[in-house]
C-alpha atoms as a PDB file:
ATOM      1  CA  MET A   1     -53.211 -49.173  18.250  1.00  0.00           C
ATOM      2  CA  ASN A   2     -52.059 -45.674  17.387  1.00  0.00           C
ATOM      3  CA  ARG A   3     -49.083 -44.811  15.211  1.00  0.00           C
ATOM      4  CA  LEU A   4     -46.798 -43.877  18.120  1.00  0.00           C
ATOM      5  CA  GLN A   5     -47.284 -47.237  19.824  1.00  0.00           C
ATOM      6  CA  THR A   6     -46.693 -49.050  16.536  1.00  0.00           C
ATOM      7  CA  LEU A   7     -43.457 -47.143  15.980  1.00  0.00           C
ATOM      8  CA  GLN A   8     -42.258 -47.854  19.510  1.00  0.00           C
ATOM      9  CA  LYS A   9     -42.848 -51.578  19.016  1.00  0.00           C
ATOM     10  CA  GLN A  10     -40.988 -51.463  15.697  1.00  0.00           C
ATOM     11  CA  LYS A  11     -38.129 -49.628  17.391  1.00  0.00           C
ATOM     12  CA  GLN A  12     -37.898 -52.315  20.077  1.00  0.00           C
ATOM     13  CA  PHE A  13     -37.861 -55.025  17.408  1.00  0.00           C
ATOM     14  CA  TRP A  14     -35.123 -53.374  15.336  1.00  0.00           C
ATOM     15  CA  MET A  15     -33.059 -52.681  18.469  1.00  0.00           C
ATOM     16  CA  SER A  16     -33.143 -56.404  19.261  1.00  0.00           C
ATOM     17  CA  VAL A  17     -32.102 -57.204  15.681  1.00  0.00           C
ATOM     18  CA  LYS A  18     -29.273 -54.663  15.953  1.00  0.00           C
ATOM     19  CA  ARG A  19     -27.966 -56.347  19.106  1.00  0.00           C
ATOM     20  CA  THR A  20     -27.686 -59.672  17.272  1.00  0.00           C
ATOM     21  CA  LEU A  21     -25.669 -58.238  14.390  1.00  0.00           C
ATOM     22  CA  ASP A  22     -21.919 -57.700  14.477  1.00  0.00           C
ATOM     23  CA  LYS A  23     -21.301 -53.957  14.596  1.00  0.00           C
ATOM     24  CA  ASP A  24     -17.666 -54.538  13.568  1.00  0.00           C
ATOM     25  CA  ALA A  25     -18.561 -56.411  10.374  1.00  0.00           C
ATOM     26  CA  PRO A  26     -16.931 -54.912   7.283  1.00  0.00           C
ATOM     27  CA  MET A  27     -19.353 -52.887   5.166  1.00  0.00           C
ATOM     28  CA  HIS A  28     -18.599 -54.943   2.052  1.00  0.00           C
ATOM     29  CA  THR A  29     -20.049 -58.076   3.688  1.00  0.00           C
ATOM     30  CA  GLU A  30     -23.716 -59.055   3.842  1.00  0.00           C
ATOM     31  CA  GLU A  31     -23.772 -58.643   7.621  1.00  0.00           C
ATOM     32  CA  GLY A  32     -22.298 -55.165   7.281  1.00  0.00           C
ATOM     33  CA  PHE A  33     -25.031 -54.229   4.814  1.00  0.00           C
ATOM     34  CA  GLN A  34     -27.685 -55.662   7.135  1.00  0.00           C
ATOM     35  CA  TYR A  35     -26.303 -53.673  10.056  1.00  0.00           C
ATOM     36  CA  ALA A  36     -26.401 -50.466   7.996  1.00  0.00           C
ATOM     37  CA  ARG A  37     -30.001 -51.152   6.928  1.00  0.00           C
ATOM     38  CA  VAL A  38     -31.071 -51.760  10.538  1.00  0.00           C
ATOM     39  CA  LEU A  39     -29.436 -48.518  11.659  1.00  0.00           C
ATOM     40  CA  THR A  40     -31.208 -46.660   8.850  1.00  0.00           C
ATOM     41  CA  LYS A  41     -34.584 -48.113   9.865  1.00  0.00           C
ATOM     42  CA  LEU A  42     -33.964 -47.137  13.481  1.00  0.00           C
ATOM     43  CA  VAL A  43     -33.097 -43.558  12.545  1.00  0.00           C
ATOM     44  CA  LEU A  44     -36.203 -43.199  10.373  1.00  0.00           C
ATOM     45  CA  ILE A  45     -38.427 -44.624  13.107  1.00  0.00           C
ATOM     46  CA  GLU A  46     -36.864 -42.325  15.700  1.00  0.00           C
ATOM     47  CA  LEU A  47     -37.397 -39.289  13.457  1.00  0.00           C
ATOM     48  CA  GLU A  48     -41.053 -40.181  12.982  1.00  0.00           C
ATOM     49  CA  ILE A  49     -41.507 -40.689  16.742  1.00  0.00           C
ATOM     50  CA  GLU A  50     -39.968 -37.261  17.392  1.00  0.00           C
ATOM     51  CA  GLN A  51     -42.253 -35.675  14.793  1.00  0.00           C
ATOM     52  CA  ILE A  52     -45.365 -37.203  16.367  1.00  0.00           C
ATOM     53  CA  GLU A  53     -44.277 -36.066  19.832  1.00  0.00           C
ATOM     54  CA  LYS A  54     -43.655 -32.519  18.545  1.00  0.00           C
ATOM     55  CA  GLU A  55     -47.119 -32.444  16.968  1.00  0.00           C
ATOM     56  CA  LYS A  56     -48.680 -33.631  20.224  1.00  0.00           C
ATOM     57  CA  ALA A  57     -46.796 -30.976  22.186  1.00  0.00           C
ATOM     58  CA  ALA A  58     -47.934 -28.275  19.782  1.00  0.00           C
ATOM     59  CA  ARG A  59     -51.613 -29.076  20.398  1.00  0.00           C
END
């Protein structure tokens, strides 16, 4: 499986995790920290996906 497919599967997984967390949880709680970590992972995955797609388009 190539890197793009792996990243897309990870994105789907983290999106499902995000849906189960309470987005209104205070940041000083464990659930708030978990929500922030999930959002960070999603942003990093999305940036890497965009980079791969840009490289493919440049070829």
